[in-house]
């Protein structure tokens, strides 16, 4: 038996410590909260994706009474970016949250499905995606790669026969 360790890297900061472009991306994610459709959970999520060509794509969570037919904000934004700009790389994704039912004081991490989708885009483009997670208290967590949010990500080489 052998013990192994994984080291993750992330930065915590206040939104005011981000670059002007990153602050604007977070503001876009916050604005996307207004378009969230979350009548069942009351948990609103907004996401903004910055592409290499400078385009910003926004998304918000869209719930459905028949769980799990809804879609998370991160996947809405990434899938739209992939459909609209299939050959343009994703540089950064910002995610903001707000609850109608309780106070959110901490950064909330994306669900496993969203992390895996982010990992797929990172793998597809062979380039890291910076992830900025924003809380209503304006605290942020910054990961310079999705791998720091999903260290045991499922990757396509695992599907190839040897």
N, C-alpha and C. Protein backbone atom coordinates (compact mmCIF):
# COMPACT_ATOMS: atom_id res chain seq x y z
N UNK A 1 0.85 -1.17 0.00
CA UNK A 1 0.00 0.00 0.00
C UNK A 1 0.90 1.24 0.00
N UNK A 2 0.51 2.21 -0.79
CA UNK A 2 1.31 3.43 -0.90
C UNK A 2 0.40 4.65 -0.80
N UNK A 3 0.75 5.55 0.07
CA UNK A 3 -0.01 6.80 0.19
C UNK A 3 0.52 7.82 -0.81
N UNK A 4 -0.40 8.47 -1.50
CA UNK A 4 -0.03 9.54 -2.42
C UNK A 4 -0.79 10.79 -2.03
N UNK A 5 -0.24 11.94 -2.37
CA UNK A 5 -0.88 13.20 -2.03
C UNK A 5 -1.06 14.03 -3.29
N UNK A 6 -2.12 14.80 -3.29
CA UNK A 6 -2.40 15.72 -4.38
C UNK A 6 -2.34 17.13 -3.81
N UNK A 7 -1.66 18.00 -4.51
CA UNK A 7 -1.58 19.39 -4.09
C UNK A 7 -2.42 20.24 -5.03
N UNK A 8 -3.32 21.01 -4.46
CA UNK A 8 -4.16 21.92 -5.23
C UNK A 8 -3.69 23.34 -4.97
N UNK A 9 -3.95 24.21 -5.93
CA UNK A 9 -3.54 25.60 -5.79
C UNK A 9 -4.71 26.51 -6.14
N UNK A 10 -4.99 27.46 -5.26
CA UNK A 10 -6.01 28.47 -5.55
C UNK A 10 -5.70 29.71 -4.73
N UNK A 11 -6.32 30.80 -5.13
CA UNK A 11 -6.12 32.08 -4.46
C UNK A 11 -7.47 32.55 -3.95
N UNK A 12 -7.49 33.10 -2.74
CA UNK A 12 -8.70 33.76 -2.25
C UNK A 12 -8.40 35.25 -2.18
N UNK A 13 -9.40 36.04 -2.50
CA UNK A 13 -9.20 37.49 -2.55
C UNK A 13 -10.55 38.19 -2.45
N UNK A 14 -10.50 39.50 -2.43
CA UNK A 14 -11.69 40.33 -2.55
C UNK A 14 -11.80 40.74 -4.00
N UNK A 15 -13.01 40.93 -4.48
CA UNK A 15 -13.22 41.28 -5.89
C UNK A 15 -12.39 42.50 -6.30
N UNK A 16 -12.16 43.41 -5.38
CA UNK A 16 -11.40 44.63 -5.69
C UNK A 16 -9.95 44.34 -6.03
N UNK A 17 -9.47 43.15 -5.67
CA UNK A 17 -8.08 42.77 -5.95
C UNK A 17 -7.90 42.16 -7.34
N UNK A 18 -9.01 41.90 -8.02
CA UNK A 18 -8.94 41.34 -9.38
C UNK A 18 -8.56 42.44 -10.37
N UNK A 19 -8.08 42.01 -11.53
CA UNK A 19 -7.82 42.97 -12.61
C UNK A 19 -9.15 43.59 -13.04
N UNK A 20 -9.08 44.69 -13.74
CA UNK A 20 -10.29 45.36 -14.22
C UNK A 20 -11.12 44.44 -15.12
N UNK A 21 -10.45 43.71 -16.00
CA UNK A 21 -11.15 42.77 -16.90
C UNK A 21 -11.82 41.64 -16.12
N UNK A 22 -11.13 41.13 -15.09
CA UNK A 22 -11.70 40.06 -14.28
C UNK A 22 -12.88 40.58 -13.46
N UNK A 23 -12.77 41.79 -12.93
CA UNK A 23 -13.88 42.38 -12.20
C UNK A 23 -15.11 42.52 -13.10
N UNK A 24 -14.88 42.94 -14.34
CA UNK A 24 -15.98 43.09 -15.29
C UNK A 24 -16.63 41.73 -15.60
N UNK A 25 -15.81 40.69 -15.72
CA UNK A 25 -16.34 39.36 -15.98
C UNK A 25 -17.22 38.91 -14.81
N UNK A 26 -16.77 39.16 -13.59
CA UNK A 26 -17.57 38.82 -12.41
C UNK A 26 -18.87 39.64 -12.40
N UNK A 27 -18.78 40.91 -12.75
CA UNK A 27 -19.99 41.75 -12.81
C UNK A 27 -20.98 41.19 -13.84
N UNK A 28 -20.47 40.69 -14.95
CA UNK A 28 -21.34 40.06 -15.95
C UNK A 28 -22.02 38.82 -15.38
N UNK A 29 -21.26 38.02 -14.63
CA UNK A 29 -21.83 36.82 -13.99
C UNK A 29 -22.91 37.23 -12.99
N UNK A 30 -22.66 38.29 -12.24
CA UNK A 30 -23.66 38.79 -11.28
C UNK A 30 -24.91 39.26 -12.02
N UNK A 31 -24.74 39.93 -13.14
CA UNK A 31 -25.89 40.39 -13.94
C UNK A 31 -26.68 39.22 -14.48
N UNK A 32 -25.99 38.14 -14.82
CA UNK A 32 -26.66 36.95 -15.35
C UNK A 32 -27.57 36.30 -14.31
N UNK A 33 -27.35 36.60 -13.02
CA UNK A 33 -28.23 36.08 -11.97
C UNK A 33 -29.68 36.49 -12.22
N UNK A 34 -29.87 37.65 -12.83
CA UNK A 34 -31.22 38.18 -13.09
C UNK A 34 -31.99 37.31 -14.08
N UNK A 35 -31.29 36.53 -14.89
CA UNK A 35 -31.96 35.69 -15.89
C UNK A 35 -32.11 34.24 -15.43
N UNK A 36 -31.64 33.95 -14.21
CA UNK A 36 -31.76 32.58 -13.69
C UNK A 36 -33.24 32.24 -13.49
N UNK A 37 -33.58 31.01 -13.80
CA UNK A 37 -34.92 30.49 -13.56
C UNK A 37 -34.79 29.39 -12.53
N UNK A 38 -35.08 29.73 -11.26
CA UNK A 38 -34.88 28.79 -10.17
C UNK A 38 -36.06 28.82 -9.20
N UNK A 39 -37.27 28.52 -9.69
CA UNK A 39 -38.45 28.59 -8.83
C UNK A 39 -38.51 27.49 -7.77
N UNK A 40 -37.75 26.43 -7.93
CA UNK A 40 -37.82 25.29 -7.01
C UNK A 40 -36.77 25.38 -5.92
N UNK A 41 -35.54 25.70 -6.28
CA UNK A 41 -34.46 25.77 -5.29
C UNK A 41 -34.28 27.18 -4.74
N UNK A 42 -34.64 28.19 -5.51
CA UNK A 42 -34.37 29.56 -5.10
C UNK A 42 -32.90 29.90 -5.12
N UNK A 43 -32.09 29.03 -5.71
CA UNK A 43 -30.64 29.22 -5.75
C UNK A 43 -30.25 29.68 -7.15
N UNK A 44 -29.84 30.94 -7.25
CA UNK A 44 -29.53 31.55 -8.53
C UNK A 44 -28.04 31.47 -8.82
N UNK A 45 -27.71 31.12 -10.05
CA UNK A 45 -26.31 31.05 -10.47
C UNK A 45 -26.18 31.77 -11.80
N UNK A 46 -25.16 32.62 -11.88
CA UNK A 46 -24.83 33.30 -13.13
C UNK A 46 -23.40 32.98 -13.51
N UNK A 47 -23.15 32.89 -14.79
CA UNK A 47 -21.81 32.54 -15.26
C UNK A 47 -21.46 33.39 -16.48
N UNK A 48 -20.20 33.76 -16.56
CA UNK A 48 -19.69 34.49 -17.74
C UNK A 48 -18.41 33.84 -18.20
N UNK A 49 -18.33 33.61 -19.50
CA UNK A 49 -17.16 32.98 -20.11
C UNK A 49 -16.47 34.01 -21.00
N UNK A 50 -15.18 34.19 -20.78
CA UNK A 50 -14.37 35.06 -21.63
C UNK A 50 -13.62 34.21 -22.63
N UNK A 51 -13.84 34.48 -23.91
CA UNK A 51 -13.18 33.74 -24.98
C UNK A 51 -11.93 34.48 -25.43
N UNK A 52 -11.03 33.75 -26.10
CA UNK A 52 -9.79 34.35 -26.58
C UNK A 52 -10.00 35.50 -27.56
N UNK A 53 -11.13 35.51 -28.24
CA UNK A 53 -11.40 36.60 -29.19
C UNK A 53 -12.01 37.83 -28.51
N UNK A 54 -12.13 37.78 -27.18
CA UNK A 54 -12.67 38.90 -26.42
C UNK A 54 -14.16 38.84 -26.17
N UNK A 55 -14.85 37.91 -26.84
CA UNK A 55 -16.29 37.76 -26.64
C UNK A 55 -16.57 37.27 -25.22
N UNK A 56 -17.66 37.75 -24.65
CA UNK A 56 -18.11 37.29 -23.35
C UNK A 56 -19.49 36.67 -23.52
N UNK A 57 -19.63 35.44 -23.06
CA UNK A 57 -20.89 34.69 -23.14
C UNK A 57 -21.42 34.51 -21.72
N UNK A 58 -22.67 34.88 -21.50
CA UNK A 58 -23.29 34.75 -20.18
C UNK A 58 -24.27 33.59 -20.17
N UNK A 59 -24.44 33.01 -19.00
CA UNK A 59 -25.41 31.95 -18.82
C UNK A 59 -25.96 32.00 -17.40
N UNK A 60 -27.11 31.39 -17.21
CA UNK A 60 -27.70 31.29 -15.88
C UNK A 60 -28.38 29.94 -15.74
N UNK A 61 -28.56 29.51 -14.49
CA UNK A 61 -29.19 28.21 -14.29
C UNK A 61 -30.65 28.26 -14.69
N UNK A 62 -31.12 27.17 -15.26
CA UNK A 62 -32.49 27.04 -15.75
C UNK A 62 -33.07 25.74 -15.20
N UNK A 63 -33.90 25.86 -14.17
CA UNK A 63 -34.46 24.67 -13.53
C UNK A 63 -35.69 24.15 -14.28
N UNK A 64 -36.05 22.92 -13.95
CA UNK A 64 -37.23 22.28 -14.50
C UNK A 64 -37.84 21.44 -13.41
N UNK A 65 -39.16 21.39 -13.36
CA UNK A 65 -39.83 20.62 -12.32
C UNK A 65 -39.42 19.14 -12.38
N UNK A 66 -39.08 18.64 -13.55
CA UNK A 66 -38.63 17.25 -13.70
C UNK A 66 -37.11 17.22 -13.56
N UNK A 67 -36.66 17.23 -12.29
CA UNK A 67 -35.21 17.13 -12.07
C UNK A 67 -34.71 15.86 -12.74
N UNK A 68 -33.60 15.76 -13.35
CA UNK A 68 -32.56 16.77 -13.53
C UNK A 68 -32.61 17.41 -14.92
N UNK A 69 -33.78 17.73 -15.40
CA UNK A 69 -33.91 18.27 -16.76
C UNK A 69 -33.40 19.69 -16.92
N UNK A 70 -33.17 20.39 -15.83
CA UNK A 70 -32.63 21.75 -15.90
C UNK A 70 -31.15 21.73 -16.24
N UNK A 71 -30.56 22.90 -16.29
CA UNK A 71 -29.14 23.00 -16.63
C UNK A 71 -28.50 24.10 -15.79
N UNK A 72 -27.28 23.84 -15.35
CA UNK A 72 -26.52 24.80 -14.54
C UNK A 72 -25.99 25.94 -15.40
N UNK A 73 -25.74 27.08 -14.76
CA UNK A 73 -25.26 28.28 -15.44
C UNK A 73 -23.95 28.06 -16.18
N UNK A 74 -23.03 27.33 -15.55
CA UNK A 74 -21.73 27.10 -16.16
C UNK A 74 -21.86 26.36 -17.49
N UNK A 75 -22.71 25.33 -17.49
CA UNK A 75 -22.89 24.55 -18.71
C UNK A 75 -23.67 25.32 -19.77
N UNK A 76 -24.64 26.13 -19.35
CA UNK A 76 -25.37 26.97 -20.31
C UNK A 76 -24.38 27.86 -21.05
N UNK A 77 -23.51 28.55 -20.31
CA UNK A 77 -22.54 29.47 -20.92
C UNK A 77 -21.51 28.73 -21.77
N UNK A 78 -20.96 27.64 -21.25
CA UNK A 78 -19.93 26.91 -22.00
C UNK A 78 -20.49 26.25 -23.26
N UNK A 79 -21.66 25.65 -23.16
CA UNK A 79 -22.24 24.99 -24.33
C UNK A 79 -22.61 26.01 -25.41
N UNK A 80 -23.13 27.16 -24.98
CA UNK A 80 -23.45 28.19 -25.97
C UNK A 80 -22.17 28.71 -26.62
N UNK A 81 -21.15 28.94 -25.82
CA UNK A 81 -19.86 29.40 -26.37
C UNK A 81 -19.32 28.37 -27.36
N UNK A 82 -19.41 27.09 -27.01
CA UNK A 82 -18.93 26.03 -27.89
C UNK A 82 -19.72 25.93 -29.18
N UNK A 83 -21.03 26.18 -29.11
CA UNK A 83 -21.87 26.12 -30.30
C UNK A 83 -21.69 27.36 -31.18
N UNK A 84 -21.52 28.50 -30.57
CA UNK A 84 -21.41 29.76 -31.31
C UNK A 84 -20.00 30.00 -31.84
N UNK A 85 -19.00 29.62 -31.05
CA UNK A 85 -17.59 29.85 -31.40
C UNK A 85 -16.80 28.55 -31.21
N UNK A 86 -17.04 27.54 -32.03
CA UNK A 86 -16.46 26.21 -31.79
C UNK A 86 -14.93 26.15 -31.81
N UNK A 87 -14.28 27.06 -32.48
CA UNK A 87 -12.82 27.01 -32.58
C UNK A 87 -12.11 28.06 -31.73
N UNK A 88 -12.85 28.77 -30.90
CA UNK A 88 -12.28 29.82 -30.06
C UNK A 88 -12.11 29.27 -28.65
N UNK A 89 -10.92 29.45 -28.09
CA UNK A 89 -10.62 28.91 -26.76
C UNK A 89 -11.25 29.75 -25.65
N UNK A 90 -11.58 29.06 -24.56
CA UNK A 90 -12.09 29.70 -23.35
C UNK A 90 -10.90 30.11 -22.50
N UNK A 91 -10.84 31.37 -22.12
CA UNK A 91 -9.76 31.85 -21.26
C UNK A 91 -10.13 31.77 -19.79
N UNK A 92 -11.33 32.29 -19.47
CA UNK A 92 -11.74 32.42 -18.07
C UNK A 92 -13.24 32.19 -17.96
N UNK A 93 -13.64 31.59 -16.85
CA UNK A 93 -15.06 31.49 -16.53
C UNK A 93 -15.25 32.06 -15.13
N UNK A 94 -16.24 32.94 -14.98
CA UNK A 94 -16.60 33.50 -13.67
C UNK A 94 -17.99 33.00 -13.30
N UNK A 95 -18.17 32.68 -12.03
CA UNK A 95 -19.44 32.15 -11.55
C UNK A 95 -19.84 32.92 -10.30
N UNK A 96 -21.09 33.36 -10.26
CA UNK A 96 -21.61 34.08 -9.09
C UNK A 96 -22.89 33.40 -8.63
N UNK A 97 -23.14 33.44 -7.32
CA UNK A 97 -24.32 32.77 -6.76
C UNK A 97 -25.09 33.71 -5.83
N UNK A 98 -26.37 33.38 -5.65
CA UNK A 98 -27.24 34.12 -4.74
C UNK A 98 -28.41 33.21 -4.40
N UNK A 99 -28.82 33.22 -3.16
CA UNK A 99 -29.97 32.41 -2.76
C UNK A 99 -31.13 33.30 -2.32
N UNK A 100 -32.33 32.91 -2.72
CA UNK A 100 -33.53 33.60 -2.26
C UNK A 100 -33.96 33.08 -0.88
N UNK A 101 -33.40 31.93 -0.47
CA UNK A 101 -33.87 31.25 0.74
C UNK A 101 -32.92 31.31 1.93
N UNK A 102 -31.66 31.60 1.70
CA UNK A 102 -30.70 31.66 2.80
C UNK A 102 -29.55 32.58 2.42
N UNK A 103 -28.80 32.99 3.41
CA UNK A 103 -27.68 33.88 3.19
C UNK A 103 -26.45 33.07 2.76
N UNK A 104 -25.84 33.47 1.68
CA UNK A 104 -24.62 32.82 1.20
C UNK A 104 -23.44 33.71 1.59
N UNK A 105 -22.60 33.20 2.47
CA UNK A 105 -21.45 33.98 2.94
C UNK A 105 -20.13 33.47 2.41
N UNK A 106 -20.16 32.34 1.75
CA UNK A 106 -18.93 31.72 1.26
C UNK A 106 -19.00 31.51 -0.25
N UNK A 107 -17.85 31.28 -0.82
CA UNK A 107 -17.77 30.91 -2.23
C UNK A 107 -18.37 29.51 -2.37
N UNK A 108 -19.18 29.31 -3.39
CA UNK A 108 -19.78 28.00 -3.66
C UNK A 108 -19.11 27.43 -4.91
N UNK A 109 -18.67 26.21 -4.81
CA UNK A 109 -17.98 25.56 -5.92
C UNK A 109 -18.98 24.95 -6.90
N UNK A 110 -18.64 24.90 -8.19
CA UNK A 110 -19.53 24.27 -9.18
C UNK A 110 -19.77 22.80 -8.86
N UNK A 111 -20.90 22.29 -9.31
CA UNK A 111 -21.21 20.87 -9.12
C UNK A 111 -20.23 20.01 -9.92
N UNK A 112 -20.22 18.74 -9.64
CA UNK A 112 -19.31 17.83 -10.32
C UNK A 112 -19.51 17.78 -11.83
N UNK A 113 -20.77 17.82 -12.28
CA UNK A 113 -21.04 17.78 -13.72
C UNK A 113 -20.46 19.01 -14.40
N UNK A 114 -20.61 20.18 -13.78
CA UNK A 114 -20.06 21.41 -14.37
C UNK A 114 -18.53 21.37 -14.37
N UNK A 115 -17.95 20.85 -13.31
CA UNK A 115 -16.48 20.73 -13.27
C UNK A 115 -16.00 19.82 -14.39
N UNK A 116 -16.71 18.73 -14.62
CA UNK A 116 -16.30 17.80 -15.67
C UNK A 116 -16.44 18.43 -17.05
N UNK A 117 -17.48 19.22 -17.27
CA UNK A 117 -17.65 19.92 -18.55
C UNK A 117 -16.53 20.94 -18.73
N UNK A 118 -16.20 21.68 -17.68
CA UNK A 118 -15.08 22.63 -17.76
C UNK A 118 -13.79 21.89 -18.10
N UNK A 119 -13.60 20.73 -17.47
CA UNK A 119 -12.40 19.93 -17.73
C UNK A 119 -12.35 19.47 -19.18
N UNK A 120 -13.51 19.13 -19.74
CA UNK A 120 -13.57 18.70 -21.15
C UNK A 120 -13.12 19.83 -22.08
N UNK A 121 -13.59 21.04 -21.80
CA UNK A 121 -13.18 22.18 -22.63
C UNK A 121 -11.69 22.46 -22.47
N UNK A 122 -11.19 22.33 -21.26
CA UNK A 122 -9.76 22.53 -21.03
C UNK A 122 -8.95 21.49 -21.80
N UNK A 123 -9.40 20.24 -21.76
CA UNK A 123 -8.72 19.15 -22.47
C UNK A 123 -8.81 19.36 -23.98
N UNK A 124 -9.99 19.72 -24.47
CA UNK A 124 -10.22 19.93 -25.90
C UNK A 124 -9.31 21.02 -26.47
N UNK A 125 -9.17 22.10 -25.74
CA UNK A 125 -8.40 23.23 -26.25
C UNK A 125 -6.92 23.17 -25.87
N UNK A 126 -6.56 22.16 -25.07
CA UNK A 126 -5.17 21.97 -24.64
C UNK A 126 -4.60 23.25 -24.03
N UNK A 127 -5.43 23.88 -23.21
CA UNK A 127 -5.04 25.12 -22.54
C UNK A 127 -5.88 25.27 -21.28
N UNK A 128 -5.27 25.70 -20.20
CA UNK A 128 -5.98 25.87 -18.94
C UNK A 128 -7.05 26.94 -19.04
N UNK A 129 -8.08 26.77 -18.23
CA UNK A 129 -9.14 27.76 -18.09
C UNK A 129 -9.08 28.29 -16.66
N UNK A 130 -8.97 29.60 -16.52
CA UNK A 130 -9.00 30.21 -15.20
C UNK A 130 -10.45 30.22 -14.72
N UNK A 131 -10.66 29.87 -13.45
CA UNK A 131 -11.99 29.82 -12.86
C UNK A 131 -12.04 30.83 -11.71
N UNK A 132 -13.02 31.73 -11.77
CA UNK A 132 -13.21 32.71 -10.70
C UNK A 132 -14.59 32.47 -10.10
N UNK A 133 -14.61 32.09 -8.83
CA UNK A 133 -15.86 31.83 -8.12
C UNK A 133 -16.14 33.00 -7.19
N UNK A 134 -17.33 33.57 -7.29
CA UNK A 134 -17.67 34.80 -6.57
C UNK A 134 -18.81 34.55 -5.58
N UNK A 135 -18.68 35.11 -4.38
CA UNK A 135 -19.74 35.03 -3.38
C UNK A 135 -20.44 36.38 -3.26
N UNK A 136 -21.66 36.39 -2.70
CA UNK A 136 -22.37 37.66 -2.50
C UNK A 136 -21.64 38.64 -1.58
N UNK A 137 -20.66 38.16 -0.82
CA UNK A 137 -19.87 39.04 0.05
C UNK A 137 -18.69 39.64 -0.71
N UNK A 138 -18.62 39.40 -2.01
CA UNK A 138 -17.56 39.87 -2.90
C UNK A 138 -16.20 39.22 -2.64
N UNK A 139 -16.22 38.08 -1.96
CA UNK A 139 -15.00 37.27 -1.85
C UNK A 139 -14.94 36.40 -3.09
N UNK A 140 -13.73 36.12 -3.55
CA UNK A 140 -13.55 35.27 -4.72
C UNK A 140 -12.51 34.19 -4.45
N UNK A 141 -12.68 33.09 -5.14
CA UNK A 141 -11.69 32.03 -5.18
C UNK A 141 -11.26 31.91 -6.63
N UNK A 142 -9.95 31.90 -6.86
CA UNK A 142 -9.42 31.84 -8.22
C UNK A 142 -8.58 30.58 -8.36
N UNK A 143 -8.93 29.76 -9.34
CA UNK A 143 -8.14 28.58 -9.70
C UNK A 143 -7.63 28.82 -11.12
N UNK A 144 -6.35 28.63 -11.33
CA UNK A 144 -5.76 28.88 -12.65
C UNK A 144 -5.97 27.73 -13.63
N UNK A 145 -6.53 26.64 -13.14
CA UNK A 145 -6.86 25.49 -13.98
C UNK A 145 -8.02 24.74 -13.36
N UNK A 146 -8.85 24.13 -14.19
CA UNK A 146 -9.97 23.34 -13.71
C UNK A 146 -9.47 22.15 -12.90
N UNK A 147 -8.29 21.67 -13.22
CA UNK A 147 -7.74 20.51 -12.52
C UNK A 147 -7.63 20.75 -11.01
N UNK A 148 -7.48 22.01 -10.60
CA UNK A 148 -7.45 22.31 -9.17
C UNK A 148 -8.82 22.18 -8.52
N UNK A 149 -9.87 22.16 -9.31
CA UNK A 149 -11.22 21.94 -8.79
C UNK A 149 -11.66 20.48 -8.95
N UNK A 150 -10.99 19.75 -9.83
CA UNK A 150 -11.37 18.38 -10.13
C UNK A 150 -10.11 17.55 -10.38
N UNK A 151 -9.38 17.23 -9.32
CA UNK A 151 -8.08 16.56 -9.50
C UNK A 151 -8.15 15.18 -10.13
N UNK A 152 -9.25 14.47 -9.99
CA UNK A 152 -9.37 13.14 -10.60
C UNK A 152 -10.32 13.19 -11.79
N UNK A 153 -10.15 14.21 -12.63
CA UNK A 153 -11.05 14.38 -13.76
C UNK A 153 -10.96 13.19 -14.71
N UNK A 154 -12.09 12.87 -15.32
CA UNK A 154 -12.17 11.81 -16.31
C UNK A 154 -11.74 12.40 -17.64
N UNK A 155 -10.69 11.84 -18.23
CA UNK A 155 -10.14 12.38 -19.49
C UNK A 155 -10.26 11.36 -20.61
N UNK A 156 -10.32 11.87 -21.84
CA UNK A 156 -10.51 11.01 -23.00
C UNK A 156 -9.44 9.94 -23.18
N UNK A 157 -8.17 10.17 -22.83
CA UNK A 157 -7.19 9.08 -23.00
C UNK A 157 -7.57 7.81 -22.23
N UNK A 158 -8.38 7.96 -21.19
CA UNK A 158 -8.81 6.79 -20.43
C UNK A 158 -9.73 5.88 -21.25
N UNK A 159 -10.31 6.42 -22.33
CA UNK A 159 -11.22 5.65 -23.18
C UNK A 159 -10.51 4.92 -24.31
N UNK A 160 -9.28 5.27 -24.56
CA UNK A 160 -8.55 4.69 -25.69
C UNK A 160 -8.00 3.32 -25.33
N UNK A 161 -8.08 2.41 -26.29
CA UNK A 161 -7.55 1.07 -26.08
C UNK A 161 -6.04 1.10 -26.20
N UNK A 162 -5.40 0.28 -25.42
CA UNK A 162 -3.93 0.21 -25.46
C UNK A 162 -3.48 -0.98 -26.26
